[in-house]
Structures are given as structure tokens and as C-alpha cells.
């Protein structure tokens, strides 16, 4: 966290830096790219929209969201492949969201019509995998940059 720079005559106390009886406070934090301001699941359209604190909007269709499931059953664990690694054909029940729950301040947990509900999709994961054209282009450019510097 960046703090306001104080003149040399400031003195520190347990309550913070004080100048002429006025307490200096840190500047407001910049909007976070991984803090959700609004989340809306539209069951009819089969989409999940997230508006982030920095103003960006992410939209996932339910099928893409199910393919992104991070749980151990879907992704695998202990060196074993997960169910999604077998490239299954997803049924309508497997891609129909029936509910979604907020997990603390860091994730959402969709509940699918087939009963699957163990995937905690962190906000960092959802933002890092944002499928919009802008984010895809940024990830592609970053990947190219990394490859060029790895040579």
C-alpha cells in the first residue's frame, strides 16, 4: 500500500503520522481487477456476467464455465487426470446452472443441474481466463512476449 509522503518534520505515533494535529491517511486504493462489483447469472440466456471493480465486464456462457471447473474431480489430483481431461460431451444437465453461491469474498460456486457443485471458481481465475476479445489479445501478446524473451 502506498502512503502519503510526509514532510521531514512529521512525527510517528501509534495512531499514524501526525502533522500539526492532523492525521495523514493513505490514499484510496485503486480499483482491483479481481474484485467483483456485480455478479449476475441469467439462466434463460445461460450466461454469467461479472462486473469488476475496475469497470471491466466478463461474460461466460454456462458451457464454457463448466469446462473451466477447477474442482479435483474435473481437473484431477495427485497426478491423475480429471474427468474433463477425457474430453467428454457435456449434456444439457451438465451445463445448466440451477444456483450459484458466493464463497467468501473470493469465489463463486455454481450448482449444476446434474448435481455437481464442488467447483470454487476464484475471482482471480475468472478474471485471468476472461474470454472477451480484449483479454484474449492481452494474454496472446503476453505469451508471445514471454516466448521471445525465453529464447
Foldseek 3Di string as FASTA:
>chain_A
DDFDDDDPPWDADPVAIDDPRDHGDGDDDQFDLLFFPDWDQDQVQQWIWTQGRNGDIFIDRLVVVLLLFPDCQQQNDPPDGHPCVVVDDDDPQSRRFPDKADDPRFFIWTATSVGDTPGTQGSVNCSQVRPDPVNVVVVVVVVVVVVVVVD
